Amino acid sequence: MFVDRSETSAVKLTDFGLAAMFTEGGPPLTEVLGSAYYVAPEVLREAYSKEADVWSTGVVLFIALGGYAPFDGANEREVCEREQLAREEAAQRFRFPREPPNPKR
């Protein structure tokens, strides 16, 4: 992913080191991969799909705009614990549907 096709082009943003193929309608991905700062909760539950990438992209955007990570800790375990606490607090304050709305209804 480059800004243009020249040999001196800047790289936009890319890291495909942990990429995996996902087939729409296929089984969920199950391998736990990634850094605690960016990994989606579904990845930690070992059942995820393309939505996990939306979470990670949101974290990158949060860091780019805010200058710090949304969840911080002394180590990866603490980062995951703080993320879980934030999800539990949000679940108590807000009502999120379990399934996304079906636009075809």
N, C-alpha and C. Protein backbone atom coordinates (compact mmCIF):
# COMPACT_ATOMS: atom_id res chain seq x y z
N MET A 1 0.85 -1.17 0.00
CA MET A 1 0.00 0.00 0.00
C MET A 1 0.89 1.23 0.00
N PHE A 2 0.95 1.85 -1.13
CA PHE A 2 1.82 3.00 -1.32
C PHE A 2 1.01 4.22 -1.72
N VAL A 3 1.57 5.41 -1.52
CA VAL A 3 0.92 6.64 -1.90
C VAL A 3 0.81 6.72 -3.42
N ASP A 4 1.88 6.32 -4.12
CA ASP A 4 1.85 6.29 -5.58
C ASP A 4 2.73 5.14 -6.07
N ARG A 5 2.95 5.04 -7.39
CA ARG A 5 3.69 3.92 -7.96
C ARG A 5 5.19 4.17 -8.10
N SER A 6 5.67 5.31 -7.64
CA SER A 6 7.10 5.61 -7.78
C SER A 6 7.93 4.77 -6.81
N GLU A 7 9.23 4.62 -7.13
CA GLU A 7 10.13 3.85 -6.27
C GLU A 7 10.38 4.52 -4.93
N THR A 8 10.14 5.81 -4.85
CA THR A 8 10.36 6.54 -3.60
C THR A 8 9.06 6.82 -2.84
N SER A 9 8.00 6.16 -3.22
CA SER A 9 6.70 6.37 -2.60
C SER A 9 6.71 6.01 -1.12
N ALA A 10 5.99 6.78 -0.34
CA ALA A 10 5.82 6.48 1.09
C ALA A 10 4.82 5.34 1.26
N VAL A 11 5.03 4.54 2.27
CA VAL A 11 4.11 3.46 2.60
C VAL A 11 2.98 4.07 3.42
N LYS A 12 1.73 3.72 3.11
CA LYS A 12 0.59 4.23 3.88
C LYS A 12 0.54 3.54 5.24
N LEU A 13 0.07 2.34 5.30
CA LEU A 13 -0.01 1.57 6.53
C LEU A 13 -0.23 0.12 6.12
N THR A 14 0.64 -0.75 6.57
CA THR A 14 0.48 -2.14 6.19
C THR A 14 1.20 -3.05 7.16
N ASP A 15 0.59 -4.19 7.43
CA ASP A 15 1.20 -5.24 8.22
C ASP A 15 0.39 -6.50 7.96
N PHE A 16 0.86 -7.31 7.05
CA PHE A 16 0.16 -8.53 6.70
C PHE A 16 0.83 -9.76 7.28
N GLY A 17 1.69 -9.57 8.26
CA GLY A 17 2.43 -10.68 8.85
C GLY A 17 1.55 -11.72 9.51
N LEU A 18 0.40 -11.31 10.02
CA LEU A 18 -0.52 -12.24 10.68
C LEU A 18 -1.81 -12.42 9.88
N ALA A 19 -1.79 -12.05 8.61
CA ALA A 19 -3.00 -12.13 7.79
C ALA A 19 -3.44 -13.57 7.57
N ALA A 20 -4.74 -13.74 7.45
CA ALA A 20 -5.32 -15.05 7.16
C ALA A 20 -6.47 -14.85 6.19
N MET A 21 -6.75 -15.86 5.41
CA MET A 21 -7.88 -15.80 4.47
C MET A 21 -9.16 -16.12 5.20
N PHE A 22 -10.17 -15.31 4.98
CA PHE A 22 -11.49 -15.54 5.56
C PHE A 22 -12.48 -15.69 4.43
N THR A 23 -13.28 -16.74 4.48
CA THR A 23 -14.30 -16.98 3.47
C THR A 23 -15.66 -16.60 4.03
N GLU A 24 -16.34 -15.67 3.37
CA GLU A 24 -17.66 -15.24 3.81
C GLU A 24 -18.59 -16.45 3.89
N GLY A 25 -19.24 -16.61 5.03
CA GLY A 25 -20.12 -17.76 5.23
C GLY A 25 -19.40 -19.01 5.69
N GLY A 26 -18.08 -18.95 5.73
CA GLY A 26 -17.29 -20.10 6.16
C GLY A 26 -17.15 -20.12 7.67
N PRO A 27 -16.38 -21.05 8.16
CA PRO A 27 -16.20 -21.13 9.62
C PRO A 27 -15.41 -19.93 10.14
N PRO A 28 -15.62 -19.57 11.41
CA PRO A 28 -14.85 -18.45 11.96
C PRO A 28 -13.38 -18.82 12.12
N LEU A 29 -12.55 -17.80 12.14
CA LEU A 29 -11.13 -18.00 12.42
C LEU A 29 -10.99 -18.27 13.92
N THR A 30 -9.99 -19.06 14.29
CA THR A 30 -9.87 -19.46 15.70
C THR A 30 -8.48 -19.24 16.30
N GLU A 31 -7.49 -18.97 15.49
CA GLU A 31 -6.13 -18.82 16.02
C GLU A 31 -5.97 -17.45 16.68
N VAL A 32 -5.49 -17.44 17.92
CA VAL A 32 -5.28 -16.19 18.65
C VAL A 32 -3.94 -15.59 18.22
N LEU A 33 -4.03 -14.44 17.55
CA LEU A 33 -2.85 -13.75 17.04
C LEU A 33 -3.01 -12.27 17.28
N GLY A 34 -1.91 -11.57 17.37
CA GLY A 34 -1.95 -10.13 17.45
C GLY A 34 -1.43 -9.58 18.76
N SER A 35 -1.30 -8.27 18.78
CA SER A 35 -0.82 -7.54 19.95
C SER A 35 -2.02 -7.16 20.82
N ALA A 36 -1.84 -7.18 22.12
CA ALA A 36 -2.93 -6.88 23.05
C ALA A 36 -3.55 -5.51 22.78
N TYR A 37 -2.77 -4.55 22.34
CA TYR A 37 -3.31 -3.22 22.08
C TYR A 37 -4.33 -3.20 20.96
N TYR A 38 -4.17 -4.07 19.98
CA TYR A 38 -4.97 -4.01 18.77
C TYR A 38 -5.95 -5.17 18.60
N VAL A 39 -5.79 -6.23 19.35
CA VAL A 39 -6.57 -7.45 19.13
C VAL A 39 -8.01 -7.26 19.62
N ALA A 40 -8.95 -7.73 18.81
CA ALA A 40 -10.37 -7.63 19.14
C ALA A 40 -10.75 -8.69 20.18
N PRO A 41 -11.74 -8.40 21.01
CA PRO A 41 -12.17 -9.37 22.01
C PRO A 41 -12.58 -10.72 21.41
N GLU A 42 -13.17 -10.70 20.23
CA GLU A 42 -13.58 -11.94 19.56
C GLU A 42 -12.39 -12.85 19.26
N VAL A 43 -11.24 -12.25 18.98
CA VAL A 43 -10.03 -13.03 18.72
C VAL A 43 -9.64 -13.79 19.99
N LEU A 44 -9.72 -13.12 21.12
CA LEU A 44 -9.37 -13.76 22.38
C LEU A 44 -10.35 -14.89 22.73
N ARG A 45 -11.59 -14.78 22.24
CA ARG A 45 -12.58 -15.85 22.46
C ARG A 45 -12.46 -16.96 21.42
N GLU A 46 -11.50 -16.81 20.50
CA GLU A 46 -11.18 -17.82 19.49
C GLU A 46 -12.33 -18.12 18.53
N ALA A 47 -13.07 -17.10 18.16
CA ALA A 47 -14.13 -17.24 17.15
C ALA A 47 -14.38 -15.86 16.56
N TYR A 48 -13.76 -15.58 15.42
CA TYR A 48 -13.84 -14.24 14.86
C TYR A 48 -13.86 -14.26 13.35
N SER A 49 -14.21 -13.11 12.77
CA SER A 49 -14.23 -12.95 11.32
C SER A 49 -13.72 -11.55 10.99
N LYS A 50 -14.17 -11.02 9.87
CA LYS A 50 -13.64 -9.74 9.39
C LYS A 50 -13.93 -8.58 10.33
N GLU A 51 -14.94 -8.70 11.20
CA GLU A 51 -15.25 -7.62 12.13
C GLU A 51 -14.10 -7.34 13.10
N ALA A 52 -13.28 -8.34 13.36
CA ALA A 52 -12.12 -8.14 14.23
C ALA A 52 -11.17 -7.11 13.62
N ASP A 53 -11.10 -7.05 12.30
CA ASP A 53 -10.27 -6.05 11.64
C ASP A 53 -10.81 -4.64 11.84
N VAL A 54 -12.14 -4.52 11.94
CA VAL A 54 -12.74 -3.21 12.19
C VAL A 54 -12.32 -2.70 13.56
N TRP A 55 -12.32 -3.60 14.55
CA TRP A 55 -11.87 -3.23 15.90
C TRP A 55 -10.44 -2.72 15.84
N SER A 56 -9.56 -3.50 15.22
CA SER A 56 -8.14 -3.14 15.15
C SER A 56 -7.93 -1.82 14.42
N THR A 57 -8.69 -1.61 13.35
CA THR A 57 -8.60 -0.35 12.62
C THR A 57 -9.06 0.81 13.49
N GLY A 58 -10.08 0.58 14.29
CA GLY A 58 -10.55 1.61 15.22
C GLY A 58 -9.49 1.97 16.25
N VAL A 59 -8.75 0.97 16.72
CA VAL A 59 -7.68 1.24 17.68
C VAL A 59 -6.58 2.07 17.02
N VAL A 60 -6.22 1.71 15.80
CA VAL A 60 -5.20 2.49 15.07
C VAL A 60 -5.67 3.93 14.90
N LEU A 61 -6.92 4.12 14.53
CA LEU A 61 -7.46 5.46 14.34
C LEU A 61 -7.49 6.23 15.67
N PHE A 62 -7.89 5.56 16.75
CA PHE A 62 -7.90 6.19 18.07
C PHE A 62 -6.51 6.70 18.43
N ILE A 63 -5.50 5.84 18.22
CA ILE A 63 -4.12 6.23 18.53
C ILE A 63 -3.66 7.38 17.63
N ALA A 64 -4.01 7.32 16.35
CA ALA A 64 -3.61 8.37 15.42
C ALA A 64 -4.23 9.72 15.80
N LEU A 65 -5.49 9.70 16.22
CA LEU A 65 -6.17 10.95 16.56
C LEU A 65 -5.91 11.42 17.99
N GLY A 66 -5.79 10.47 18.91
CA GLY A 66 -5.65 10.83 20.32
C GLY A 66 -4.23 10.85 20.83
N GLY A 67 -3.35 10.11 20.18
CA GLY A 67 -1.95 10.09 20.60
C GLY A 67 -1.65 9.08 21.69
N TYR A 68 -2.63 8.27 22.07
CA TYR A 68 -2.41 7.23 23.07
C TYR A 68 -3.39 6.09 22.82
N ALA A 69 -3.08 4.93 23.37
CA ALA A 69 -3.93 3.76 23.18
C ALA A 69 -5.18 3.85 24.04
N PRO A 70 -6.31 3.31 23.57
CA PRO A 70 -7.53 3.36 24.36
C PRO A 70 -7.47 2.54 25.64
N PHE A 71 -6.67 1.51 25.65
CA PHE A 71 -6.48 0.67 26.83
C PHE A 71 -4.98 0.54 27.06
N ASP A 72 -4.54 0.77 28.27
CA ASP A 72 -3.11 0.73 28.55
C ASP A 72 -2.86 -0.14 29.77
N GLY A 73 -1.65 -0.63 29.88
CA GLY A 73 -1.29 -1.45 31.02
C GLY A 73 0.21 -1.70 31.04
N ALA A 74 0.67 -2.27 32.14
CA ALA A 74 2.09 -2.55 32.29
C ALA A 74 2.54 -3.72 31.43
N ASN A 75 1.59 -4.60 31.04
CA ASN A 75 1.90 -5.75 30.19
C ASN A 75 0.65 -6.13 29.41
N GLU A 76 0.77 -7.11 28.52
CA GLU A 76 -0.35 -7.48 27.66
C GLU A 76 -1.55 -7.99 28.46
N ARG A 77 -1.29 -8.71 29.52
CA ARG A 77 -2.39 -9.22 30.34
C ARG A 77 -3.19 -8.07 30.95
N GLU A 78 -2.51 -7.07 31.45
CA GLU A 78 -3.19 -5.92 32.04
C GLU A 78 -3.97 -5.14 31.00
N VAL A 79 -3.44 -5.02 29.79
CA VAL A 79 -4.15 -4.34 28.70
C VAL A 79 -5.46 -5.08 28.43
N CYS A 80 -5.41 -6.40 28.33
CA CYS A 80 -6.61 -7.21 28.07
C CYS A 80 -7.61 -7.09 29.21
N GLU A 81 -7.13 -7.08 30.44
CA GLU A 81 -8.02 -6.95 31.60
C GLU A 81 -8.73 -5.59 31.59
N ARG A 82 -8.00 -4.54 31.27
CA ARG A 82 -8.61 -3.20 31.24
C ARG A 82 -9.62 -3.08 30.10
N GLU A 83 -9.31 -3.70 28.98
CA GLU A 83 -10.26 -3.70 27.86
C GLU A 83 -11.54 -4.41 28.26
N GLN A 84 -11.42 -5.55 28.94
CA GLN A 84 -12.58 -6.31 29.38
C GLN A 84 -13.41 -5.50 30.38
N LEU A 85 -12.75 -4.83 31.32
CA LEU A 85 -13.48 -4.00 32.28
C LEU A 85 -14.24 -2.88 31.58
N ALA A 86 -13.63 -2.28 30.56
CA ALA A 86 -14.30 -1.22 29.81
C ALA A 86 -15.51 -1.77 29.07
N ARG A 87 -15.40 -2.98 28.52
CA ARG A 87 -16.54 -3.59 27.82
C ARG A 87 -17.67 -3.88 28.80
N GLU A 88 -17.33 -4.37 29.97
CA GLU A 88 -18.36 -4.66 30.98
C GLU A 88 -19.06 -3.39 31.43
N GLU A 89 -18.29 -2.32 31.63
CA GLU A 89 -18.88 -1.05 32.02
C GLU A 89 -19.79 -0.51 30.92
N ALA A 90 -19.34 -0.60 29.69
CA ALA A 90 -20.15 -0.13 28.56
C ALA A 90 -21.44 -0.95 28.45
N ALA A 91 -21.37 -2.25 28.70
CA ALA A 91 -22.56 -3.10 28.63
C ALA A 91 -23.58 -2.72 29.69
N GLN A 92 -23.11 -2.23 30.83
CA GLN A 92 -24.02 -1.80 31.89
C GLN A 92 -24.66 -0.45 31.56
N ARG A 93 -23.91 0.41 30.89
CA ARG A 93 -24.39 1.76 30.60
C ARG A 93 -25.22 1.83 29.32
N PHE A 94 -24.88 1.00 28.34
CA PHE A 94 -25.51 1.07 27.02
C PHE A 94 -26.08 -0.29 26.65
N ARG A 95 -27.11 -0.29 25.84
CA ARG A 95 -27.69 -1.54 25.37
C ARG A 95 -27.25 -1.75 23.92
N PHE A 96 -26.44 -2.77 23.69
CA PHE A 96 -25.97 -3.09 22.36
C PHE A 96 -26.69 -4.34 21.88
N PRO A 97 -27.22 -4.34 20.66
CA PRO A 97 -27.88 -5.55 20.15
C PRO A 97 -26.86 -6.67 19.96
N ARG A 98 -27.28 -7.89 20.22
CA ARG A 98 -26.39 -9.04 20.02
C ARG A 98 -26.10 -9.25 18.55
N GLU A 99 -27.08 -9.02 17.72
CA GLU A 99 -26.93 -9.18 16.27
C GLU A 99 -27.11 -7.81 15.61
N PRO A 100 -26.36 -7.54 14.55
CA PRO A 100 -26.57 -6.27 13.84
C PRO A 100 -27.95 -6.28 13.20
N PRO A 101 -28.58 -5.12 13.04
CA PRO A 101 -29.89 -5.08 12.40
C PRO A 101 -29.83 -5.62 10.99
N ASN A 102 -30.86 -6.32 10.58
CA ASN A 102 -30.93 -6.88 9.23
C ASN A 102 -31.61 -5.88 8.32
N PRO A 103 -30.87 -5.26 7.38
CA PRO A 103 -31.48 -4.23 6.51
C PRO A 103 -32.47 -4.80 5.53
N LYS A 104 -32.52 -6.12 5.34
CA LYS A 104 -33.42 -6.73 4.37
C LYS A 104 -34.82 -6.95 4.92
N ARG A 105 -35.01 -6.75 6.23
CA ARG A 105 -36.33 -6.96 6.84
C ARG A 105 -37.27 -5.82 6.54
